Amino acid sequence: MPDYRSQYYKLFRAMEKAISILIDAQCSAEEAIISEDEENIIVITEAMTQGIVSDDNELSL
């Protein structure tokens, strides 16, 4: 008879690890964005109105 309990716990631990990796990656990305100069951050809607970004999200610097 298969040991479903151990399989469930193995799957659960793997999912917890994957979620933890994703959370760490998100935090790292947020920190990188926060630590950048504010001049480099472009709000897409504002950039579109200024003609910097086209409707298909292509940068035209």
N, C-alpha and C. Protein backbone atom coordinates (compact mmCIF):
# COMPACT_ATOMS: atom_id res chain seq x y z
N MET A 1 0.85 -1.18 0.00
CA MET A 1 0.00 0.00 0.00
C MET A 1 0.89 1.25 0.00
N PRO A 2 0.63 2.20 -0.88
CA PRO A 2 1.46 3.42 -0.93
C PRO A 2 1.36 4.22 0.37
N ASP A 3 2.47 4.84 0.70
CA ASP A 3 2.51 5.66 1.91
C ASP A 3 2.14 7.10 1.54
N TYR A 4 0.83 7.35 1.48
CA TYR A 4 0.35 8.66 1.06
C TYR A 4 0.75 9.77 2.03
N ARG A 5 0.83 9.43 3.29
CA ARG A 5 1.17 10.44 4.30
C ARG A 5 2.56 11.01 4.03
N SER A 6 3.54 10.16 3.81
CA SER A 6 4.90 10.65 3.56
C SER A 6 4.98 11.39 2.23
N GLN A 7 4.23 10.93 1.23
CA GLN A 7 4.20 11.63 -0.06
C GLN A 7 3.59 13.02 0.09
N TYR A 8 2.53 13.11 0.89
CA TYR A 8 1.89 14.40 1.13
C TYR A 8 2.86 15.35 1.82
N TYR A 9 3.54 14.88 2.85
CA TYR A 9 4.48 15.75 3.57
C TYR A 9 5.65 16.16 2.68
N LYS A 10 6.12 15.25 1.84
CA LYS A 10 7.20 15.59 0.91
C LYS A 10 6.75 16.68 -0.05
N LEU A 11 5.55 16.54 -0.60
CA LEU A 11 4.99 17.55 -1.50
C LEU A 11 4.79 18.87 -0.78
N PHE A 12 4.28 18.83 0.44
CA PHE A 12 4.03 20.05 1.21
C PHE A 12 5.32 20.79 1.49
N ARG A 13 6.38 20.07 1.87
CA ARG A 13 7.68 20.71 2.13
C ARG A 13 8.24 21.34 0.86
N ALA A 14 8.07 20.67 -0.27
CA ALA A 14 8.56 21.21 -1.54
C ALA A 14 7.79 22.48 -1.92
N MET A 15 6.48 22.49 -1.68
CA MET A 15 5.69 23.69 -1.97
C MET A 15 6.10 24.84 -1.06
N GLU A 16 6.33 24.55 0.22
CA GLU A 16 6.79 25.59 1.14
C GLU A 16 8.12 26.18 0.69
N LYS A 17 9.03 25.32 0.24
CA LYS A 17 10.33 25.77 -0.23
C LYS A 17 10.18 26.64 -1.47
N ALA A 18 9.32 26.23 -2.41
CA ALA A 18 9.10 27.01 -3.63
C ALA A 18 8.50 28.37 -3.31
N ILE A 19 7.53 28.41 -2.42
CA ILE A 19 6.92 29.68 -2.03
C ILE A 19 7.95 30.58 -1.36
N SER A 20 8.78 30.02 -0.52
CA SER A 20 9.83 30.79 0.15
C SER A 20 10.81 31.39 -0.86
N ILE A 21 11.18 30.61 -1.87
CA ILE A 21 12.09 31.11 -2.91
C ILE A 21 11.43 32.26 -3.67
N LEU A 22 10.15 32.13 -4.00
CA LEU A 22 9.45 33.20 -4.71
C LEU A 22 9.34 34.47 -3.86
N ILE A 23 9.06 34.32 -2.58
CA ILE A 23 8.97 35.47 -1.69
C ILE A 23 10.31 36.17 -1.58
N ASP A 24 11.39 35.40 -1.43
CA ASP A 24 12.74 35.98 -1.36
C ASP A 24 13.08 36.73 -2.64
N ALA A 25 12.73 36.16 -3.79
CA ALA A 25 13.00 36.82 -5.07
C ALA A 25 12.21 38.11 -5.19
N GLN A 26 10.97 38.10 -4.76
CA GLN A 26 10.15 39.32 -4.82
C GLN A 26 10.73 40.39 -3.91
N CYS A 27 11.13 40.02 -2.70
CA CYS A 27 11.72 40.99 -1.78
C CYS A 27 13.01 41.57 -2.34
N SER A 28 13.84 40.74 -2.94
CA SER A 28 15.09 41.22 -3.55
C SER A 28 14.81 42.19 -4.68
N ALA A 29 13.83 41.87 -5.51
CA ALA A 29 13.47 42.76 -6.62
C ALA A 29 12.93 44.09 -6.11
N GLU A 30 12.09 44.03 -5.08
CA GLU A 30 11.55 45.26 -4.51
C GLU A 30 12.65 46.12 -3.91
N GLU A 31 13.59 45.49 -3.20
CA GLU A 31 14.72 46.24 -2.63
C GLU A 31 15.56 46.89 -3.72
N ALA A 32 15.79 46.17 -4.81
CA ALA A 32 16.58 46.72 -5.91
C ALA A 32 15.88 47.93 -6.51
N ILE A 33 14.58 47.86 -6.67
CA ILE A 33 13.83 48.97 -7.24
C ILE A 33 13.83 50.16 -6.28
N ILE A 34 13.62 49.90 -5.00
CA ILE A 34 13.58 50.97 -4.01
C ILE A 34 14.92 51.67 -3.91
N SER A 35 16.01 50.93 -4.01
CA SER A 35 17.34 51.51 -3.83
C SER A 35 17.83 52.27 -5.07
N GLU A 36 17.16 52.13 -6.21
CA GLU A 36 17.55 52.86 -7.42
C GLU A 36 17.18 54.33 -7.29
N ASP A 37 17.84 55.15 -8.11
CA ASP A 37 17.48 56.56 -8.17
C ASP A 37 16.06 56.69 -8.69
N GLU A 38 15.36 57.66 -8.15
CA GLU A 38 13.96 57.85 -8.55
C GLU A 38 13.84 58.25 -10.02
N GLU A 39 14.87 58.85 -10.57
CA GLU A 39 14.84 59.28 -11.97
C GLU A 39 14.68 58.10 -12.93
N ASN A 40 15.14 56.93 -12.55
CA ASN A 40 15.10 55.77 -13.44
C ASN A 40 13.74 55.07 -13.45
N ILE A 41 12.87 55.43 -12.54
CA ILE A 41 11.57 54.78 -12.45
C ILE A 41 10.59 55.54 -13.35
N ILE A 42 9.99 54.83 -14.29
CA ILE A 42 9.05 55.44 -15.23
C ILE A 42 7.68 54.79 -15.03
N VAL A 43 6.69 55.62 -14.81
CA VAL A 43 5.32 55.12 -14.76
C VAL A 43 4.86 54.96 -16.20
N ILE A 44 4.44 53.77 -16.55
CA ILE A 44 4.13 53.45 -17.95
C ILE A 44 3.07 54.39 -18.52
N THR A 45 2.02 54.67 -17.78
CA THR A 45 0.97 55.53 -18.32
C THR A 45 1.51 56.93 -18.61
N GLU A 46 2.35 57.45 -17.75
CA GLU A 46 2.95 58.77 -17.98
C GLU A 46 3.89 58.71 -19.18
N ALA A 47 4.67 57.63 -19.28
CA ALA A 47 5.59 57.48 -20.40
C ALA A 47 4.83 57.38 -21.71
N MET A 48 3.68 56.74 -21.69
CA MET A 48 2.88 56.64 -22.91
C MET A 48 2.38 58.00 -23.34
N THR A 49 1.97 58.83 -22.38
CA THR A 49 1.45 60.15 -22.75
C THR A 49 2.56 61.06 -23.25
N GLN A 50 3.80 60.80 -22.84
CA GLN A 50 4.93 61.61 -23.29
C GLN A 50 5.57 61.05 -24.56
N GLY A 51 5.08 59.92 -25.04
CA GLY A 51 5.61 59.33 -26.26
C GLY A 51 6.88 58.53 -26.06
N ILE A 52 7.27 58.26 -24.80
CA ILE A 52 8.48 57.48 -24.54
C ILE A 52 8.20 56.00 -24.79
N VAL A 53 7.00 55.55 -24.46
CA VAL A 53 6.61 54.16 -24.65
C VAL A 53 5.41 54.14 -25.58
N SER A 54 5.48 53.28 -26.58
CA SER A 54 4.36 53.17 -27.51
C SER A 54 3.27 52.29 -26.91
N ASP A 55 2.17 52.18 -27.61
CA ASP A 55 1.04 51.39 -27.10
C ASP A 55 1.38 49.92 -26.93
N ASP A 56 2.36 49.41 -27.69
CA ASP A 56 2.73 47.99 -27.57
C ASP A 56 3.89 47.81 -26.59
N ASN A 57 4.10 48.80 -25.70
CA ASN A 57 5.10 48.76 -24.62
C ASN A 57 6.54 48.72 -25.11
N GLU A 58 6.80 49.18 -26.33
CA GLU A 58 8.17 49.25 -26.84
C GLU A 58 8.77 50.59 -26.44
N LEU A 59 9.94 50.55 -25.82
CA LEU A 59 10.62 51.79 -25.44
C LEU A 59 11.16 52.49 -26.67
N SER A 60 11.02 53.79 -26.72
CA SER A 60 11.58 54.56 -27.83
C SER A 60 12.37 55.73 -27.26
N LEU A 61 13.50 55.40 -26.63
CA LEU A 61 14.31 56.43 -25.99
C LEU A 61 15.14 57.12 -26.97
